[in-house]
C-alpha atoms as a PDB file:
ATOM      1  CA  GLU A   1     -37.364 -33.449 -24.219  1.00  0.00           C
ATOM      2  CA  VAL A   2     -35.900 -30.109 -23.212  1.00  0.00           C
ATOM      3  CA  ILE A   3     -39.239 -28.956 -22.440  1.00  0.00           C
ATOM      4  CA  HIS A   4     -39.652 -31.500 -19.573  1.00  0.00           C
ATOM      5  CA  LEU A   5     -36.165 -31.206 -18.370  1.00  0.00           C
ATOM      6  CA  THR A   6     -36.207 -30.557 -14.365  1.00  0.00           C
ATOM      7  CA  HIS A   7     -32.638 -29.219 -14.187  1.00  0.00           C
ATOM      8  CA  ALA A   8     -29.986 -27.925 -16.397  1.00  0.00           C
ATOM      9  CA  ARG A   9     -27.213 -30.255 -18.298  1.00  0.00           C
ATOM     10  CA  PRO A  10     -23.952 -30.042 -19.818  1.00  0.00           C
ATOM     11  CA  PRO A  11     -24.469 -28.749 -23.815  1.00  0.00           C
ATOM     12  CA  GLN A  12     -25.793 -31.553 -26.298  1.00  0.00           C
ATOM     13  CA  ILE A  13     -25.768 -31.645 -30.040  1.00  0.00           C
ATOM     14  CA  TRP A  14     -28.487 -33.125 -31.860  1.00  0.00           C
ATOM     15  CA  ASP A  15     -29.366 -32.976 -35.758  1.00  0.00           C
ATOM     16  CA  HIS A  16     -26.701 -30.094 -36.277  1.00  0.00           C
ATOM     17  CA  LYS A  17     -28.341 -28.193 -33.267  1.00  0.00           C
ATOM     18  CA  LEU A  18     -26.573 -27.127 -30.025  1.00  0.00           C
ATOM     19  CA  ILE A  19     -28.929 -27.284 -26.786  1.00  0.00           C
ATOM     20  CA  LEU A  20     -27.953 -25.312 -23.918  1.00  0.00           C
ATOM     21  CA  THR A  21     -30.012 -25.345 -20.637  1.00  0.00           C
ATOM     22  CA  PHE A  22     -29.505 -23.122 -17.466  1.00  0.00           C
ATOM     23  CA  ASP A  23     -30.847 -23.296 -14.118  1.00  0.00           C
ATOM     24  CA  ALA A  24     -31.621 -19.730 -12.935  1.00  0.00           C
ATOM     25  CA  ASP A  25     -32.831 -18.176  -9.799  1.00  0.00           C
ATOM     26  CA  PRO A  26     -36.618 -17.993  -9.685  1.00  0.00           C
ATOM     27  CA  ASP A  27     -36.427 -14.221 -10.089  1.00  0.00           C
ATOM     28  CA  ALA A  28     -34.275 -14.246 -13.348  1.00  0.00           C
ATOM     29  CA  ARG A  29     -35.882 -12.447 -16.285  1.00  0.00           C
ATOM     30  CA  TYR A  30     -33.488 -12.783 -19.197  1.00  0.00           C
ATOM     31  CA  VAL A  31     -31.154 -15.484 -19.833  1.00  0.00           C
ATOM     32  CA  ALA A  32     -29.018 -15.434 -23.446  1.00  0.00           C
ATOM     33  CA  ALA A  33     -25.866 -16.929 -25.029  1.00  0.00           C
ATOM     34  CA  ALA A  34     -23.369 -15.152 -27.366  1.00  0.00           C
ATOM     35  CA  PHE A  35     -20.935 -17.084 -29.346  1.00  0.00           C
ATOM     36  CA  SER A  36     -17.466 -16.582 -30.627  1.00  0.00           C
ATOM     37  CA  ASN A  37     -18.384 -17.382 -34.149  1.00  0.00           C
ATOM     38  CA  GLU A  38     -20.714 -14.348 -34.365  1.00  0.00           C
ATOM     39  CA  ALA A  39     -18.165 -12.029 -32.546  1.00  0.00           C
ATOM     40  CA  PHE A  40     -20.377 -12.283 -29.375  1.00  0.00           C
ATOM     41  CA  ARG A  41     -22.409  -9.508 -30.980  1.00  0.00           C
ATOM     42  CA  GLN A  42     -25.757 -11.377 -31.110  1.00  0.00           C
ATOM     43  CA  GLN A  43     -27.593 -12.547 -28.001  1.00  0.00           C
ATOM     44  CA  HIS A  44     -29.590 -15.659 -28.595  1.00  0.00           C
ATOM     45  CA  VAL A  45     -32.560 -15.644 -25.821  1.00  0.00           C
ATOM     46  CA  PHE A  46     -33.412 -18.666 -23.892  1.00  0.00           C
ATOM     47  CA  PHE A  47     -36.923 -20.199 -23.342  1.00  0.00           C
ATOM     48  CA  LYS A  48     -38.196 -21.274 -20.045  1.00  0.00           C
ATOM     49  CA  ASN A  49     -39.868 -24.562 -19.492  1.00  0.00           C
ATOM     50  CA  GLU A  50     -42.723 -25.893 -17.356  1.00  0.00           C
ATOM     51  CA  ASN A  51     -40.124 -26.740 -14.705  1.00  0.00           C
ATOM     52  CA  ASN A  52     -38.454 -23.159 -14.946  1.00  0.00           C
ATOM     53  CA  VAL A  53     -35.338 -24.567 -16.601  1.00  0.00           C
ATOM     54  CA  PHE A  54     -34.196 -22.058 -19.321  1.00  0.00           C
ATOM     55  CA  PHE A  55     -32.997 -23.655 -22.582  1.00  0.00           C
ATOM     56  CA  LEU A  56     -31.757 -22.574 -26.086  1.00  0.00           C
ATOM     57  CA  VAL A  57     -31.616 -24.637 -29.298  1.00  0.00           C
ATOM     58  CA  TYR A  58     -29.181 -22.861 -31.348  1.00  0.00           C
ATOM     59  CA  ASP A  59     -28.902 -23.869 -35.024  1.00  0.00           C
ATOM     60  CA  ILE A  60     -24.812 -24.747 -35.723  1.00  0.00           C
ATOM     61  CA  PRO A  61     -24.073 -22.608 -38.662  1.00  0.00           C
ATOM     62  CA  GLU A  62     -22.626 -24.110 -41.748  1.00  0.00           C
ATOM     63  CA  ASN A  63     -19.538 -22.111 -41.600  1.00  0.00           C
ATOM     64  CA  ALA A  64     -19.203 -22.764 -37.796  1.00  0.00           C
ATOM     65  CA  PRO A  65     -15.441 -23.555 -36.672  1.00  0.00           C
ATOM     66  CA  THR A  66     -14.848 -26.769 -34.931  1.00  0.00           C
ATOM     67  CA  GLU A  67     -14.518 -25.062 -31.859  1.00  0.00           C
ATOM     68  CA  ILE A  68     -17.238 -22.555 -30.375  1.00  0.00           C
ATOM     69  CA  ASP A  69     -16.597 -20.307 -27.400  1.00  0.00           C
ATOM     70  CA  TYR A  70     -19.783 -18.876 -25.786  1.00  0.00           C
ATOM     71  CA  ARG A  71     -20.984 -17.095 -22.747  1.00  0.00           C
ATOM     72  CA  LEU A  72     -24.312 -16.819 -20.999  1.00  0.00           C
ATOM     73  CA  ILE A  73     -25.916 -13.504 -20.077  1.00  0.00           C
ATOM     74  CA  VAL A  74     -28.231 -13.472 -16.940  1.00  0.00           C
ATOM     75  CA  ASP A  75     -30.199 -10.374 -16.343  1.00  0.00           C
ATOM     76  CA  GLY A  76     -27.120  -8.288 -17.992  1.00  0.00           C
ATOM     77  CA  LEU A  77     -24.362 -10.362 -16.148  1.00  0.00           C
ATOM     78  CA  TRP A  78     -22.090 -12.420 -18.482  1.00  0.00           C
ATOM     79  CA  ILE A  79     -20.782 -15.566 -17.252  1.00  0.00           C
ATOM     80  CA  ARG A  80     -19.611 -18.926 -18.065  1.00  0.00           C
ATOM     81  CA  ASP A  81     -22.121 -21.695 -18.481  1.00  0.00           C
ATOM     82  CA  PRO A  82     -22.127 -23.440 -14.982  1.00  0.00           C
ATOM     83  CA  SER A  83     -23.245 -26.921 -16.501  1.00  0.00           C
ATOM     84  CA  ASN A  84     -20.485 -26.937 -18.902  1.00  0.00           C
ATOM     85  CA  PRO A  85     -17.174 -28.408 -17.615  1.00  0.00           C
ATOM     86  CA  LEU A  86     -15.228 -27.341 -20.480  1.00  0.00           C
ATOM     87  CA  VAL A  87     -13.645 -23.849 -19.852  1.00  0.00           C
ATOM     88  CA  HIS A  88     -11.245 -21.704 -21.340  1.00  0.00           C
ATOM     89  CA  THR A  89      -9.448 -19.458 -19.090  1.00  0.00           C
ATOM     90  CA  GLY A  90      -7.236 -16.402 -19.716  1.00  0.00           C
ATOM     91  CA  ASP A  91      -9.844 -14.356 -21.395  1.00  0.00           C
ATOM     92  CA  PRO A  92      -9.379 -10.475 -20.081  1.00  0.00           C
ATOM     93  CA  ASP A  93     -13.138 -10.418 -20.022  1.00  0.00           C
ATOM     94  CA  GLY A  94     -13.683 -13.688 -18.204  1.00  0.00           C
ATOM     95  CA  ASP A  95     -13.805 -17.712 -18.646  1.00  0.00           C
ATOM     96  CA  LEU A  96     -15.376 -18.734 -21.592  1.00  0.00           C
ATOM     97  CA  SER A  97     -17.304 -21.840 -22.076  1.00  0.00           C
ATOM     98  CA  TYR A  98     -16.903 -23.874 -25.314  1.00  0.00           C
ATOM     99  CA  VAL A  99     -18.106 -26.698 -27.333  1.00  0.00           C
ATOM    100  CA  THR A 100     -16.210 -28.962 -29.708  1.00  0.00           C
ATOM    101  CA  LEU A 101     -18.047 -29.791 -33.071  1.00  0.00           C
ATOM    102  CA  ARG A 102     -17.428 -33.594 -34.282  1.00  0.00           C
ATOM    103  CA  TYR A 103     -17.359 -34.388 -38.063  1.00  0.00           C
ATOM    104  CA  ARG A 104     -20.958 -35.424 -38.062  1.00  0.00           C
ATOM    105  CA  ASP A 105     -22.201 -32.496 -35.995  1.00  0.00           C
ATOM    106  CA  ARG A 106     -21.459 -30.278 -38.880  1.00  0.00           C
ATOM    107  CA  PRO A 107     -24.026 -29.172 -41.220  1.00  0.00           C
ATOM    108  CA  ARG A 108     -24.445 -31.277 -44.564  1.00  0.00           C
ATOM    109  CA  LEU A 109     -22.253 -29.516 -47.472  1.00  0.00           C
ATOM    110  CA  TYR A 110     -23.922 -28.899 -50.580  1.00  0.00           C
ATOM    111  CA  SER A 111     -21.527 -28.728 -53.879  1.00  0.00           C
ATOM    112  CA  PRO A 112     -21.448 -27.364 -56.371  1.00  0.00           C
ATOM    113  CA  THR A 113     -23.397 -24.252 -55.355  1.00  0.00           C
ATOM    114  CA  GLN A 114     -24.517 -21.761 -58.254  1.00  0.00           C
ATOM    115  CA  LYS A 115     -24.078 -18.067 -57.022  1.00  0.00           C
ATOM    116  CA  ALA A 116     -24.987 -15.002 -58.877  1.00  0.00           C
ATOM    117  CA  ASP A 117     -23.509 -13.882 -62.459  1.00  0.00           C
ATOM    118  CA  GLY A 118     -22.127 -17.459 -63.164  1.00  0.00           C
ATOM    119  CA  VAL A 119     -19.972 -17.818 -59.993  1.00  0.00           C
ATOM    120  CA  VAL A 120     -20.106 -21.545 -58.722  1.00  0.00           C
ATOM    121  CA  GLU A 121     -18.770 -22.594 -55.513  1.00  0.00           C
ATOM    122  CA  PHE A 122     -17.290 -25.958 -55.014  1.00  0.00           C
ATOM    123  CA  ARG A 123     -16.829 -27.704 -51.646  1.00  0.00           C
ATOM    124  CA  TYR A 124     -14.957 -30.691 -50.329  1.00  0.00           C
ATOM    125  CA  ARG A 125     -14.995 -32.279 -46.751  1.00  0.00           C
ATOM    126  CA  GLY A 126     -12.002 -34.715 -45.871  1.00  0.00           C
ATOM    127  CA  ARG A 127      -8.986 -34.864 -43.863  1.00  0.00           C
ATOM    128  CA  PRO A 128      -7.034 -31.800 -42.993  1.00  0.00           C
ATOM    129  CA  GLY A 129      -3.899 -30.633 -45.102  1.00  0.00           C
ATOM    130  CA  LEU A 130      -5.064 -32.228 -48.473  1.00  0.00           C
ATOM    131  CA  GLN A 131      -4.069 -30.385 -51.824  1.00  0.00           C
ATOM    132  CA  ILE A 132      -7.087 -30.657 -53.833  1.00  0.00           C
ATOM    133  CA  ALA A 133      -7.163 -29.418 -57.709  1.00  0.00           C
ATOM    134  CA  LEU A 134     -10.554 -28.806 -59.442  1.00  0.00           C
ATOM    135  CA  ILE A 135     -10.229 -29.870 -63.269  1.00  0.00           C
ATOM    136  CA  GLY A 136     -12.891 -29.589 -65.972  1.00  0.00           C
ATOM    137  CA  ASN A 137     -13.761 -28.423 -69.270  1.00  0.00           C
ATOM    138  CA  PHE A 138     -13.657 -24.963 -68.166  1.00  0.00           C
ATOM    139  CA  ASN A 139      -9.832 -24.989 -67.384  1.00  0.00           C
ATOM    140  CA  ASN A 140      -8.730 -27.521 -70.109  1.00  0.00           C
ATOM    141  CA  TRP A 141      -8.426 -30.356 -67.208  1.00  0.00           C
ATOM    142  CA  ASP A 142      -5.304 -28.667 -65.982  1.00  0.00           C
ATOM    143  CA  PRO A 143      -4.370 -29.884 -62.486  1.00  0.00           C
ATOM    144  CA  PHE A 144      -2.143 -27.079 -61.685  1.00  0.00           C
ATOM    145  CA  GLN A 145      -4.632 -24.066 -62.188  1.00  0.00           C
ATOM    146  CA  ASP A 146      -7.504 -24.035 -59.615  1.00  0.00           C
ATOM    147  CA  PHE A 147      -7.464 -25.565 -56.267  1.00  0.00           C
ATOM    148  CA  LEU A 148      -9.577 -25.622 -53.331  1.00  0.00           C
ATOM    149  CA  VAL A 149      -8.486 -23.835 -50.174  1.00  0.00           C
ATOM    150  CA  GLU A 150      -8.960 -25.200 -46.543  1.00  0.00           C
ATOM    151  CA  GLU A 151     -10.990 -22.914 -44.859  1.00  0.00           C
ATOM    152  CA  PRO A 152      -9.604 -21.094 -41.639  1.00  0.00           C
ATOM    153  CA  GLY A 153     -10.811 -22.439 -38.511  1.00  0.00           C
ATOM    154  CA  ARG A 154     -12.614 -25.340 -40.218  1.00  0.00           C
ATOM    155  CA  PRO A 155      -9.909 -28.142 -40.466  1.00  0.00           C
ATOM    156  CA  GLY A 156     -10.923 -30.653 -43.370  1.00  0.00           C
ATOM    157  CA  GLU A 157     -13.295 -28.357 -45.273  1.00  0.00           C
ATOM    158  CA  TYR A 158     -12.132 -26.857 -48.588  1.00  0.00           C
ATOM    159  CA  SER A 159     -13.743 -24.487 -50.918  1.00  0.00           C
ATOM    160  CA  LEU A 160     -13.359 -22.515 -54.295  1.00  0.00           C
ATOM    161  CA  SER A 161     -15.732 -20.177 -56.036  1.00  0.00           C
ATOM    162  CA  LEU A 162     -15.029 -19.595 -59.813  1.00  0.00           C
ATOM    163  CA  PRO A 163     -16.879 -17.585 -62.542  1.00  0.00           C
ATOM    164  CA  LEU A 164     -17.840 -20.069 -65.145  1.00  0.00           C
ATOM    165  CA  PRO A 165     -19.532 -19.898 -68.494  1.00  0.00           C
ATOM    166  CA  ALA A 166     -23.360 -21.035 -68.724  1.00  0.00           C
ATOM    167  CA  GLY A 167     -23.620 -24.504 -69.991  1.00  0.00           C
ATOM    168  CA  ILE A 168     -22.548 -28.119 -69.055  1.00  0.00           C
ATOM    169  CA  VAL A 169     -19.632 -28.176 -66.572  1.00  0.00           C
ATOM    170  CA  ALA A 170     -17.910 -31.557 -66.430  1.00  0.00           C
ATOM    171  CA  TYR A 171     -15.373 -31.745 -63.632  1.00  0.00           C
ATOM    172  CA  ALA A 172     -13.447 -33.898 -61.173  1.00  0.00           C
ATOM    173  CA  TYR A 173     -11.047 -33.280 -58.062  1.00  0.00           C
ATOM    174  CA  VAL A 174      -7.231 -34.307 -58.173  1.00  0.00           C
ATOM    175  CA  ILE A 175      -6.271 -35.392 -54.715  1.00  0.00           C
ATOM    176  CA  GLY A 176      -2.399 -36.009 -54.614  1.00  0.00           C
ATOM    177  CA  THR A 177      -2.027 -38.395 -57.422  1.00  0.00           C
ATOM    178  CA  HIS A 178      -5.722 -39.813 -57.598  1.00  0.00           C
ATOM    179  CA  THR A 179      -8.609 -38.320 -59.587  1.00  0.00           C
ATOM    180  CA  GLU A 180     -12.122 -38.347 -57.642  1.00  0.00           C
ATOM    181  CA  LEU A 181     -15.468 -37.390 -58.495  1.00  0.00           C
ATOM    182  CA  ASP A 182     -17.413 -34.787 -56.392  1.00  0.00           C
ATOM    183  CA  PRO A 183     -19.110 -37.038 -53.160  1.00  0.00           C
ATOM    184  CA  LEU A 184     -21.532 -33.974 -52.709  1.00  0.00           C
ATOM    185  CA  ASN A 185     -22.722 -34.265 -56.345  1.00  0.00           C
ATOM    186  CA  PRO A 186     -24.441 -37.464 -57.690  1.00  0.00           C
ATOM    187  CA  LYS A 187     -24.629 -36.455 -61.055  1.00  0.00           C
ATOM    188  CA  THR A 188     -22.007 -38.097 -63.350  1.00  0.00           C
ATOM    189  CA  VAL A 189     -21.394 -38.181 -67.409  1.00  0.00           C
ATOM    190  CA  SER A 190     -19.094 -40.487 -69.352  1.00  0.00           C
ATOM    191  CA  ASP A 191     -16.823 -39.302 -72.143  1.00  0.00           C
ATOM    192  CA  GLY A 192     -17.788 -42.576 -74.025  1.00  0.00           C
ATOM    193  CA  SER A 193     -14.334 -44.458 -73.418  1.00  0.00           C
ATOM    194  CA  GLY A 194     -15.467 -45.366 -69.863  1.00  0.00           C
ATOM    195  CA  ALA A 195     -14.181 -42.391 -68.048  1.00  0.00           C
ATOM    196  CA  VAL A 196     -16.756 -40.880 -65.644  1.00  0.00           C
ATOM    197  CA  TYR A 197     -16.977 -37.206 -64.373  1.00  0.00           C
ATOM    198  CA  SER A 198     -19.192 -34.817 -62.191  1.00  0.00           C
ATOM    199  CA  PHE A 199     -21.222 -32.538 -64.124  1.00  0.00           C
ATOM    200  CA  PHE A 200     -24.015 -29.956 -63.653  1.00  0.00           C
ATOM    201  CA  ARG A 201     -25.389 -27.250 -65.820  1.00  0.00           C
ATOM    202  CA  ASN A 202     -24.554 -23.925 -64.929  1.00  0.00           C
ATOM    203  CA  VAL A 203     -27.743 -21.895 -65.485  1.00  0.00           C
ATOM    204  CA  LYS A 204     -26.777 -18.601 -64.159  1.00  0.00           C
ATOM    205  CA  LYS A 205     -25.859 -15.417 -66.084  1.00  0.00           C
ATOM    206  CA  PRO A 206     -23.452 -16.251 -68.997  1.00  0.00           C
ATOM    207  CA  ALA A 207     -19.880 -15.169 -68.855  1.00  0.00           C
ATOM    208  CA  PRO A 208     -18.332 -14.155 -72.443  1.00  0.00           C
ATOM    209  CA  ASN A 209     -17.440 -17.473 -73.568  1.00  0.00           C
ATOM    210  CA  VAL A 210     -19.562 -20.628 -73.675  1.00  0.00           C
ATOM    211  CA  LEU A 211     -18.309 -23.874 -72.432  1.00  0.00           C
ATOM    212  CA  GLU A 212     -17.548 -26.678 -74.991  1.00  0.00           C
ATOM    213  CA  ALA A 213     -18.891 -30.026 -73.899  1.00  0.00           C
ATOM    214  CA  ASN A 214     -15.714 -31.497 -75.289  1.00  0.00           C
ATOM    215  CA  LEU A 215     -14.294 -34.274 -72.623  1.00  0.00           C
ATOM    216  CA  PRO A 216     -10.526 -35.170 -72.473  1.00  0.00           C
ATOM    217  CA  ASN A 217      -8.828 -37.977 -73.722  1.00  0.00           C
ATOM    218  CA  ARG A 218      -8.122 -40.397 -70.776  1.00  0.00           C
ATOM    219  CA  ARG A 219      -4.876 -41.981 -70.657  1.00  0.00           C
ATOM    220  CA  ASP A 220      -4.564 -45.728 -69.670  1.00  0.00           C
ATOM    221  CA  ASN A 221      -3.288 -44.988 -66.278  1.00  0.00           C
ATOM    222  CA  GLY A 222      -6.182 -42.799 -65.441  1.00  0.00           C
ATOM    223  CA  GLU A 223      -3.998 -39.758 -64.890  1.00  0.00           C
ATOM    224  CA  TYR A 224      -4.263 -36.426 -66.771  1.00  0.00           C
END
């Protein structure tokens, strides 16, 4: 659609992409954008469509904050986006345009993610301000040992990376007084007594100890 635009319009977000447009003078040769989540160090160059409207399709990074400041660079001059009414003033280098990311604008999260040397990253997306404990057969199902941390600048997104031994990892989250499966992991396993847990097989470089596949005895009230 942007290749057929006849004039610039306010920023739009579609399919985890930020679309910026700019009406430049006919003699303009270079239009780019720089973003606060990249410390304004990288310039993303616009393309020009058949109607001489410059446009940029920017992939929103997975670690993007809920609000992104940006400036346009037009033939070396740094300016705010004239098509965007959202402006932060007071910056010593000039006004900043910005966009706010809604929950559904953020890229899909994946959890768990297996890294090198047996390190596994767990992620969770929910309301801001939660206390989320990770329990599993790697920490004796202790709800006071391992906690996901809310990521700075990303309210409601939590993560924790742990080195885990190779083998079957059974786990769950304790949020407040409730135990929950990992909503990002469809794989589940039962302990044979009706209790169900999320699980995956850690196939990275083994740690010194191998996981035992034992599952805990579940109390009648479902708490641990």
